[in-house]
Amino acid sequence: MEIKDGVFIVTGSATGLGAAVAQRLAAKGGKVVINYTKSEAEAQAAAEACRSVGGDAILCQADVSVDEDCRRMAATALEQWGRIDGLVNNAATSVIVPHYDLEGLSSEDFRRVLDVNVIGAFQMVRAVTPAMQDQGRGAIVNVSSGSGFSGSGSSIAYAASKAALNVMTYSLARALAPGIRVNAVCPGVMQTRWWREGLGEENYQGFIDRYAASAPLGSAGTPETVSEPVVWLLEGAEHVTGETILVDAGSHLGSAPARPR
């Protein structure tokens, strides 16, 4: 897929990984829909960053858990640029609840996580599919998580939602072939504001350091490092569909062995 002059919707793209993906696409000449729910000022900044590197961007406030909002987001892209070449399902939510604390995870929290992370992703795919099918091609990347394989992460609800998203990626890849490719990127821990705010400044750096120390590549991800494989799946993976790619510095392999001094 040619990114230059292509049209891409990146959900949850005001900050973090979504903003990094949008800017990477814009730097290649792409046109990007910046989606946000509440962070309008940050979405404006993300759009300006896209324009500053040579791309184009528009804003669309929408909650992906609401089907009408998803369809409006697709319509916004079509009205502005007449096509949709790629979708990055990045919008997600979670709560931080220890997995042993079953009473700490309310059914309302669980439903909200599934509504955004699973149903929202499905609704976005459904909204963009007609345009991609009319064009004869398109690419979709779901931002999942290593938690979907390991059952770890910020909460049981989050892990379950990402496992569901992984399986949905397989189903959609089969259903939408051959014209539309559907893949997923599954990051490990990323250095983001969400973790910093959720854990508190006094706990955040220790959490990141422990993850990095246990990963074979000795690092925790950043929005920039994870955005690269996301864009590759849109641009360069013409013979790849139905893949869930772990981007976790090798942490799924287990701790790196001690090296002789």
C-alpha atoms as a PDB file:
ATOM      1  CA  MET A   1       0.000   0.000   0.000  1.00  0.00           C
ATOM      2  CA  GLU A   2       1.202   3.487  -0.819  1.00  0.00           C
ATOM      3  CA  ILE A   3       1.005   5.649   2.295  1.00  0.00           C
ATOM      4  CA  LYS A   4       1.521   8.903   0.389  1.00  0.00           C
ATOM      5  CA  ASP A   5      -1.897  10.462  -0.267  1.00  0.00           C
ATOM      6  CA  GLY A   6      -3.604   7.478   1.376  1.00  0.00           C
ATOM      7  CA  VAL A   7      -6.384   8.034   3.919  1.00  0.00           C
ATOM      8  CA  PHE A   8      -6.142   6.482   7.368  1.00  0.00           C
ATOM      9  CA  ILE A   9      -8.357   6.480  10.439  1.00  0.00           C
ATOM     10  CA  VAL A  10      -6.470   6.031  13.710  1.00  0.00           C
ATOM     11  CA  THR A  11      -8.794   5.697  16.676  1.00  0.00           C
ATOM     12  CA  GLY A  12      -7.674   7.029  20.036  1.00  0.00           C
ATOM     13  CA  SER A  13      -4.988   9.125  18.374  1.00  0.00           C
ATOM     14  CA  ALA A  14      -4.825  12.279  20.489  1.00  0.00           C
ATOM     15  CA  THR A  15      -1.973  10.887  22.593  1.00  0.00           C
ATOM     16  CA  GLY A  16       0.333   7.930  23.053  1.00  0.00           C
ATOM     17  CA  LEU A  17       0.634   5.188  20.467  1.00  0.00           C
ATOM     18  CA  GLY A  18      -2.244   6.489  18.364  1.00  0.00           C
ATOM     19  CA  ALA A  19      -0.620   9.901  18.017  1.00  0.00           C
ATOM     20  CA  ALA A  20       2.723   8.278  17.165  1.00  0.00           C
ATOM     21  CA  VAL A  21       1.107   6.133  14.454  1.00  0.00           C
ATOM     22  CA  ALA A  22      -0.698   9.152  13.014  1.00  0.00           C
ATOM     23  CA  GLN A  23       2.502  11.184  12.871  1.00  0.00           C
ATOM     24  CA  ARG A  24       4.449   8.319  11.260  1.00  0.00           C
ATOM     25  CA  LEU A  25       1.754   8.013   8.584  1.00  0.00           C
ATOM     26  CA  ALA A  26       1.729  11.771   8.051  1.00  0.00           C
ATOM     27  CA  ALA A  27       5.511  11.836   7.675  1.00  0.00           C
ATOM     28  CA  LYS A  28       5.046   9.484   4.718  1.00  0.00           C
ATOM     29  CA  GLY A  29       2.492  11.830   3.170  1.00  0.00           C
ATOM     30  CA  GLY A  30      -0.650  10.226   4.543  1.00  0.00           C
ATOM     31  CA  LYS A  31      -3.947  11.879   5.397  1.00  0.00           C
ATOM     32  CA  VAL A  32      -5.111  10.993   8.890  1.00  0.00           C
ATOM     33  CA  VAL A  33      -8.323  11.210  10.889  1.00  0.00           C
ATOM     34  CA  ILE A  34      -7.333  12.031  14.465  1.00  0.00           C
ATOM     35  CA  ASN A  35      -9.959  10.547  16.760  1.00  0.00           C
ATOM     36  CA  TYR A  36     -10.529  11.510  20.382  1.00  0.00           C
ATOM     37  CA  THR A  37     -13.270  11.372  22.989  1.00  0.00           C
ATOM     38  CA  LYS A  38     -12.335  14.110  25.481  1.00  0.00           C
ATOM     39  CA  SER A  39      -8.806  15.359  24.804  1.00  0.00           C
ATOM     40  CA  GLU A  40      -9.566  18.026  22.194  1.00  0.00           C
ATOM     41  CA  ALA A  41      -6.514  20.171  22.913  1.00  0.00           C
ATOM     42  CA  GLU A  42      -4.210  17.170  22.649  1.00  0.00           C
ATOM     43  CA  ALA A  43      -5.982  16.031  19.469  1.00  0.00           C
ATOM     44  CA  GLN A  44      -5.399  19.473  17.972  1.00  0.00           C
ATOM     45  CA  ALA A  45      -1.719  19.180  18.881  1.00  0.00           C
ATOM     46  CA  ALA A  46      -1.538  15.725  17.284  1.00  0.00           C
ATOM     47  CA  ALA A  47      -3.105  17.080  14.097  1.00  0.00           C
ATOM     48  CA  GLU A  48      -0.652  19.982  14.008  1.00  0.00           C
ATOM     49  CA  ALA A  49       2.226  17.534  14.462  1.00  0.00           C
ATOM     50  CA  CYS A  50       0.945  15.564  11.463  1.00  0.00           C
ATOM     51  CA  ARG A  51       0.776  18.697   9.321  1.00  0.00           C
ATOM     52  CA  SER A  52       4.225  19.806  10.441  1.00  0.00           C
ATOM     53  CA  VAL A  53       5.831  16.664   8.992  1.00  0.00           C
ATOM     54  CA  GLY A  54       4.121  16.958   5.632  1.00  0.00           C
ATOM     55  CA  GLY A  55       0.831  15.106   5.989  1.00  0.00           C
ATOM     56  CA  ASP A  56      -2.728  16.242   6.484  1.00  0.00           C
ATOM     57  CA  ALA A  57      -5.079  15.628   9.382  1.00  0.00           C
ATOM     58  CA  ILE A  58      -8.608  16.350  10.543  1.00  0.00           C
ATOM     59  CA  LEU A  59     -10.251  15.794  13.924  1.00  0.00           C
ATOM     60  CA  CYS A  60     -13.232  13.609  14.713  1.00  0.00           C
ATOM     61  CA  GLN A  61     -14.629  13.398  18.212  1.00  0.00           C
ATOM     62  CA  ALA A  62     -16.239   9.971  18.586  1.00  0.00           C
ATOM     63  CA  ASP A  63     -16.668   7.132  21.066  1.00  0.00           C
ATOM     64  CA  VAL A  64     -15.968   3.842  19.296  1.00  0.00           C
ATOM     65  CA  SER A  65     -18.312   1.983  21.645  1.00  0.00           C
ATOM     66  CA  VAL A  66     -21.179   3.869  19.924  1.00  0.00           C
ATOM     67  CA  ASP A  67     -21.954   2.455  16.486  1.00  0.00           C
ATOM     68  CA  GLU A  68     -23.322   5.754  15.160  1.00  0.00           C
ATOM     69  CA  ASP A  69     -20.053   7.452  16.090  1.00  0.00           C
ATOM     70  CA  CYS A  70     -18.048   4.817  14.206  1.00  0.00           C
ATOM     71  CA  ARG A  71     -20.138   5.249  11.082  1.00  0.00           C
ATOM     72  CA  ARG A  72     -19.832   9.036  11.380  1.00  0.00           C
ATOM     73  CA  MET A  73     -16.047   8.735  11.624  1.00  0.00           C
ATOM     74  CA  ALA A  74     -15.924   6.739   8.391  1.00  0.00           C
ATOM     75  CA  ALA A  75     -18.284   9.227   6.733  1.00  0.00           C
ATOM     76  CA  THR A  76     -16.058  12.114   7.863  1.00  0.00           C
ATOM     77  CA  ALA A  77     -13.037  10.571   6.124  1.00  0.00           C
ATOM     78  CA  LEU A  78     -15.033   9.933   2.960  1.00  0.00           C
ATOM     79  CA  GLU A  79     -16.478  13.436   2.888  1.00  0.00           C
ATOM     80  CA  GLN A  80     -13.042  14.984   3.340  1.00  0.00           C
ATOM     81  CA  TRP A  81     -10.936  12.794   1.068  1.00  0.00           C
ATOM     82  CA  GLY A  82     -13.234  10.389  -0.796  1.00  0.00           C
ATOM     83  CA  ARG A  83     -11.628   7.130   0.317  1.00  0.00           C
ATOM     84  CA  ILE A  84     -10.391   5.062   3.268  1.00  0.00           C
ATOM     85  CA  ASP A  85      -7.212   3.052   2.780  1.00  0.00           C
ATOM     86  CA  GLY A  86      -6.382   1.994   6.315  1.00  0.00           C
ATOM     87  CA  LEU A  87      -7.808   1.698   9.801  1.00  0.00           C
ATOM     88  CA  VAL A  88      -5.834   1.414  13.023  1.00  0.00           C
ATOM     89  CA  ASN A  89      -8.050   0.267  15.885  1.00  0.00           C
ATOM     90  CA  ASN A  90      -6.025   1.814  18.695  1.00  0.00           C
ATOM     91  CA  ALA A  91      -8.725   3.177  21.019  1.00  0.00           C
ATOM     92  CA  ALA A  92      -8.808   1.181  24.240  1.00  0.00           C
ATOM     93  CA  THR A  93      -9.613   1.447  27.896  1.00  0.00           C
ATOM     94  CA  SER A  94      -8.847  -0.474  31.062  1.00  0.00           C
ATOM     95  CA  VAL A  95      -8.848  -0.316  34.828  1.00  0.00           C
ATOM     96  CA  ILE A  96      -5.987  -1.275  37.115  1.00  0.00           C
ATOM     97  CA  VAL A  97      -7.250  -4.063  39.364  1.00  0.00           C
ATOM     98  CA  PRO A  98      -5.049  -6.895  40.683  1.00  0.00           C
ATOM     99  CA  HIS A  99      -6.167 -10.166  39.126  1.00  0.00           C
ATOM    100  CA  TYR A 100      -6.690 -11.786  42.529  1.00  0.00           C
ATOM    101  CA  ASP A 101      -9.101  -9.018  43.575  1.00  0.00           C
ATOM    102  CA  LEU A 102     -12.253 -10.423  42.001  1.00  0.00           C
ATOM    103  CA  GLU A 103     -14.503  -8.110  43.992  1.00  0.00           C
ATOM    104  CA  GLY A 104     -12.496  -5.093  42.835  1.00  0.00           C
ATOM    105  CA  LEU A 105     -13.546  -5.520  39.209  1.00  0.00           C
ATOM    106  CA  SER A 106     -17.140  -4.423  38.770  1.00  0.00           C
ATOM    107  CA  SER A 107     -19.393  -5.717  36.038  1.00  0.00           C
ATOM    108  CA  GLU A 108     -19.772  -2.131  34.837  1.00  0.00           C
ATOM    109  CA  ASP A 109     -16.000  -1.819  34.422  1.00  0.00           C
ATOM    110  CA  PHE A 110     -15.874  -5.161  32.622  1.00  0.00           C
ATOM    111  CA  ARG A 111     -18.622  -4.152  30.187  1.00  0.00           C
ATOM    112  CA  ARG A 112     -16.994  -0.806  29.433  1.00  0.00           C
ATOM    113  CA  VAL A 113     -13.672  -2.483  28.632  1.00  0.00           C
ATOM    114  CA  LEU A 114     -15.353  -4.952  26.281  1.00  0.00           C
ATOM    115  CA  ASP A 115     -17.518  -2.227  24.723  1.00  0.00           C
ATOM    116  CA  VAL A 116     -14.473  -0.174  23.725  1.00  0.00           C
ATOM    117  CA  ASN A 117     -11.762  -2.762  23.144  1.00  0.00           C
ATOM    118  CA  VAL A 118     -13.776  -5.433  21.335  1.00  0.00           C
ATOM    119  CA  ILE A 119     -17.152  -4.166  20.170  1.00  0.00           C
ATOM    120  CA  GLY A 120     -15.704  -0.765  19.289  1.00  0.00           C
ATOM    121  CA  ALA A 121     -13.027  -2.362  17.110  1.00  0.00           C
ATOM    122  CA  PHE A 122     -15.635  -4.501  15.363  1.00  0.00           C
ATOM    123  CA  GLN A 123     -17.906  -1.520  14.769  1.00  0.00           C
ATOM    124  CA  MET A 124     -15.037   0.461  13.232  1.00  0.00           C
ATOM    125  CA  VAL A 125     -14.177  -2.411  10.900  1.00  0.00           C
ATOM    126  CA  ARG A 126     -17.809  -2.668   9.864  1.00  0.00           C
ATOM    127  CA  ALA A 127     -17.962   1.094   9.238  1.00  0.00           C
ATOM    128  CA  VAL A 128     -14.938   1.223   6.916  1.00  0.00           C
ATOM    129  CA  THR A 129     -15.432  -2.081   5.084  1.00  0.00           C
ATOM    130  CA  PRO A 130     -17.843  -0.845   2.365  1.00  0.00           C
ATOM    131  CA  ALA A 131     -15.430   1.885   1.240  1.00  0.00           C
ATOM    132  CA  MET A 132     -12.473  -0.502   1.209  1.00  0.00           C
ATOM    133  CA  GLN A 133     -14.439  -3.111  -0.708  1.00  0.00           C
ATOM    134  CA  ASP A 134     -15.513  -0.498  -3.277  1.00  0.00           C
ATOM    135  CA  GLN A 135     -11.849   0.433  -3.733  1.00  0.00           C
ATOM    136  CA  GLY A 136     -10.852  -3.221  -3.996  1.00  0.00           C
ATOM    137  CA  ARG A 137      -8.301  -3.053  -1.182  1.00  0.00           C
ATOM    138  CA  GLY A 138      -7.605  -1.882   2.333  1.00  0.00           C
ATOM    139  CA  ALA A 139      -5.661  -2.735   5.466  1.00  0.00           C
ATOM    140  CA  ILE A 140      -6.691  -2.884   9.107  1.00  0.00           C
ATOM    141  CA  VAL A 141      -4.426  -3.124  12.143  1.00  0.00           C
ATOM    142  CA  ASN A 142      -5.891  -3.903  15.548  1.00  0.00           C
ATOM    143  CA  VAL A 143      -3.777  -2.748  18.474  1.00  0.00           C
ATOM    144  CA  SER A 144      -4.064  -5.658  20.862  1.00  0.00           C
ATOM    145  CA  SER A 145      -1.689  -6.671  23.655  1.00  0.00           C
ATOM    146  CA  GLY A 146       0.570  -9.443  24.826  1.00  0.00           C
ATOM    147  CA  SER A 147      -1.953  -9.702  27.667  1.00  0.00           C
ATOM    148  CA  GLY A 148      -4.267 -11.401  25.188  1.00  0.00           C
ATOM    149  CA  PHE A 149      -1.891 -14.372  25.135  1.00  0.00           C
ATOM    150  CA  SER A 150      -0.563 -14.379  28.685  1.00  0.00           C
ATOM    151  CA  GLY A 151      -3.688 -13.422  30.646  1.00  0.00           C
ATOM    152  CA  SER A 152      -1.656 -10.746  32.426  1.00  0.00           C
ATOM    153  CA  GLY A 153      -2.009  -6.980  32.328  1.00  0.00           C
ATOM    154  CA  SER A 154      -3.854  -4.232  34.123  1.00  0.00           C
ATOM    155  CA  SER A 155      -6.967  -6.294  34.840  1.00  0.00           C
ATOM    156  CA  ILE A 156      -8.704  -9.553  33.960  1.00  0.00           C
ATOM    157  CA  ALA A 157     -11.182  -7.549  31.903  1.00  0.00           C
ATOM    158  CA  TYR A 158      -8.364  -6.046  29.827  1.00  0.00           C
ATOM    159  CA  ALA A 159      -6.671  -9.413  29.229  1.00  0.00           C
ATOM    160  CA  ALA A 160      -9.970 -10.994  28.222  1.00  0.00           C
ATOM    161  CA  SER A 161     -10.754  -8.142  25.848  1.00  0.00           C
ATOM    162  CA  LYS A 162      -7.407  -8.438  24.094  1.00  0.00           C
ATOM    163  CA  ALA A 163      -7.729 -12.212  23.765  1.00  0.00           C
ATOM    164  CA  ALA A 164     -11.105 -11.601  22.121  1.00  0.00           C
ATOM    165  CA  LEU A 165      -9.561  -8.991  19.830  1.00  0.00           C
ATOM    166  CA  ASN A 166      -6.870 -11.456  18.754  1.00  0.00           C
ATOM    167  CA  VAL A 167      -9.441 -14.095  17.805  1.00  0.00           C
ATOM    168  CA  MET A 168     -11.584 -11.472  16.084  1.00  0.00           C
ATOM    169  CA  THR A 169      -8.526 -10.513  14.030  1.00  0.00           C
ATOM    170  CA  TYR A 170      -8.329 -14.075  12.710  1.00  0.00           C
ATOM    171  CA  SER A 171     -12.063 -14.151  11.951  1.00  0.00           C
ATOM    172  CA  LEU A 172     -12.052 -10.807  10.152  1.00  0.00           C
ATOM    173  CA  ALA A 173      -8.926 -11.646   8.158  1.00  0.00           C
ATOM    174  CA  ARG A 174     -10.689 -14.703   6.800  1.00  0.00           C
ATOM    175  CA  ALA A 175     -14.011 -12.941   6.249  1.00  0.00           C
ATOM    176  CA  LEU A 176     -12.632  -9.865   4.455  1.00  0.00           C
ATOM    177  CA  ALA A 177      -9.997 -11.532   2.253  1.00  0.00           C
ATOM    178  CA  PRO A 178      -8.749 -11.137  -0.367  1.00  0.00           C
ATOM    179  CA  GLY A 179      -9.287  -7.405  -0.671  1.00  0.00           C
ATOM    180  CA  ILE A 180      -8.796  -6.327   2.938  1.00  0.00           C
ATOM    181  CA  ARG A 181      -5.911  -7.478   5.131  1.00  0.00           C
ATOM    182  CA  VAL A 182      -6.492  -7.624   8.907  1.00  0.00           C
ATOM    183  CA  ASN A 183      -3.636  -8.001  11.378  1.00  0.00           C
ATOM    184  CA  ALA A 184      -2.868  -7.131  14.991  1.00  0.00           C
ATOM    185  CA  VAL A 185       0.108  -5.731  16.847  1.00  0.00           C
ATOM    186  CA  CYS A 186       0.427  -6.939  20.431  1.00  0.00           C
ATOM    187  CA  PRO A 187       2.672  -4.672  22.520  1.00  0.00           C
ATOM    188  CA  GLY A 188       4.052  -5.496  25.902  1.00  0.00           C
ATOM    189  CA  VAL A 189       4.414  -2.769  28.501  1.00  0.00           C
ATOM    190  CA  MET A 190       4.777   0.665  26.915  1.00  0.00           C
ATOM    191  CA  GLN A 191       6.074   3.831  28.507  1.00  0.00           C
ATOM    192  CA  THR A 192       2.893   5.877  28.368  1.00  0.00           C
ATOM    193  CA  ARG A 193       1.055   8.494  30.350  1.00  0.00           C
ATOM    194  CA  TRP A 194      -1.703   5.960  31.082  1.00  0.00           C
ATOM    195  CA  TRP A 195       0.633   3.771  33.127  1.00  0.00           C
ATOM    196  CA  ARG A 196       2.279   6.796  34.742  1.00  0.00           C
ATOM    197  CA  GLU A 197      -1.043   8.198  35.899  1.00  0.00           C
ATOM    198  CA  GLY A 198      -2.495   4.821  36.845  1.00  0.00           C
ATOM    199  CA  LEU A 199       0.444   3.709  38.961  1.00  0.00           C
ATOM    200  CA  GLY A 200       1.499   7.103  40.276  1.00  0.00           C
ATOM    201  CA  GLU A 201       4.853   8.721  39.745  1.00  0.00           C
ATOM    202  CA  GLU A 202       6.384   6.972  42.770  1.00  0.00           C
ATOM    203  CA  ASN A 203       5.654   3.495  41.326  1.00  0.00           C
ATOM    204  CA  TYR A 204       5.841   4.058  37.587  1.00  0.00           C
ATOM    205  CA  GLN A 205       9.594   4.080  36.978  1.00  0.00           C
ATOM    206  CA  GLY A 206      10.190   0.995  39.092  1.00  0.00           C
ATOM    207  CA  PHE A 207       7.494  -0.826  37.125  1.00  0.00           C
ATOM    208  CA  ILE A 208       9.117   0.126  33.805  1.00  0.00           C
ATOM    209  CA  ASP A 209      12.607  -0.767  35.054  1.00  0.00           C
ATOM    210  CA  ARG A 210      11.512  -4.197  36.267  1.00  0.00           C
ATOM    211  CA  TYR A 211       9.857  -4.965  32.940  1.00  0.00           C
ATOM    212  CA  ALA A 212      12.922  -3.853  30.989  1.00  0.00           C
ATOM    213  CA  ALA A 213      15.243  -5.889  33.210  1.00  0.00           C
ATOM    214  CA  SER A 214      13.209  -9.050  32.615  1.00  0.00           C
ATOM    215  CA  ALA A 215      12.878  -8.683  28.815  1.00  0.00           C
ATOM    216  CA  PRO A 216      15.533 -10.270  26.595  1.00  0.00           C
ATOM    217  CA  LEU A 217      16.016  -7.013  24.673  1.00  0.00           C
ATOM    218  CA  GLY A 218      16.325  -5.078  27.916  1.00  0.00           C
ATOM    219  CA  SER A 219      13.734  -2.406  27.242  1.00  0.00           C
ATOM    220  CA  ALA A 220      10.110  -1.407  27.588  1.00  0.00           C
ATOM    221  CA  GLY A 221       8.314  -0.171  24.499  1.00  0.00           C
ATOM    222  CA  THR A 222       7.512   3.399  23.584  1.00  0.00           C
ATOM    223  CA  PRO A 223       4.798   4.744  21.291  1.00  0.00           C
ATOM    224  CA  GLU A 224       7.480   5.376  18.684  1.00  0.00           C
ATOM    225  CA  THR A 225       8.942   1.862  18.736  1.00  0.00           C
ATOM    226  CA  VAL A 226       5.517   0.201  18.554  1.00  0.00           C
ATOM    227  CA  SER A 227       4.215   2.542  15.838  1.00  0.00           C
ATOM    228  CA  GLU A 228       6.806   1.208  13.386  1.00  0.00           C
ATOM    229  CA  PRO A 229       5.367  -2.328  13.035  1.00  0.00           C
ATOM    230  CA  VAL A 230       1.836  -0.896  12.964  1.00  0.00           C
ATOM    231  CA  VAL A 231       2.707   1.183   9.898  1.00  0.00           C
ATOM    232  CA  TRP A 232       4.616  -1.722   8.340  1.00  0.00           C
ATOM    233  CA  LEU A 233       1.473  -3.861   8.508  1.00  0.00           C
ATOM    234  CA  LEU A 234      -0.373  -1.145   6.604  1.00  0.00           C
ATOM    235  CA  GLU A 235       2.328  -0.378   4.098  1.00  0.00           C
ATOM    236  CA  GLY A 236       4.677  -3.255   3.520  1.00  0.00           C
ATOM    237  CA  ALA A 237       2.998  -6.528   4.477  1.00  0.00           C
ATOM    238  CA  GLU A 238       1.151  -7.261   1.243  1.00  0.00           C
ATOM    239  CA  HIS A 239       1.236 -11.028   1.799  1.00  0.00           C
ATOM    240  CA  VAL A 240       0.368 -10.952   5.513  1.00  0.00           C
ATOM    241  CA  THR A 241      -3.095 -11.272   7.011  1.00  0.00           C
ATOM    242  CA  GLY A 242      -4.493 -12.835  10.166  1.00  0.00           C
ATOM    243  CA  GLU A 243      -1.276 -12.289  12.123  1.00  0.00           C
ATOM    244  CA  THR A 244      -0.925 -11.221  15.746  1.00  0.00           C
ATOM    245  CA  ILE A 245       2.598  -9.856  16.103  1.00  0.00           C
ATOM    246  CA  LEU A 246       4.109  -9.564  19.574  1.00  0.00           C
ATOM    247  CA  VAL A 247       6.104  -6.356  20.012  1.00  0.00           C
ATOM    248  CA  ASP A 248       7.322  -6.768  23.576  1.00  0.00           C
ATOM    249  CA  ALA A 249      11.144  -6.785  23.565  1.00  0.00           C
ATOM    250  CA  GLY A 250      10.921 -10.575  23.751  1.00  0.00           C
ATOM    251  CA  SER A 251       9.266 -10.658  27.163  1.00  0.00           C
ATOM    252  CA  HIS A 252       6.973 -13.504  26.053  1.00  0.00           C
ATOM    253  CA  LEU A 253      10.113 -15.681  25.907  1.00  0.00           C
ATOM    254  CA  GLY A 254      10.737 -15.302  29.620  1.00  0.00           C
ATOM    255  CA  SER A 255      13.581 -13.610  31.390  1.00  0.00           C
ATOM    256  CA  ALA A 256      16.905 -13.381  29.651  1.00  0.00           C
ATOM    257  CA  PRO A 257      19.507 -15.738  31.159  1.00  0.00           C
ATOM    258  CA  ALA A 258      22.202 -14.244  33.319  1.00  0.00           C
ATOM    259  CA  ARG A 259      25.311 -13.497  31.297  1.00  0.00           C
ATOM    260  CA  PRO A 260      28.813 -14.354  32.472  1.00  0.00           C
ATOM    261  CA  ARG A 261      30.794 -11.380  33.597  1.00  0.00           C
END
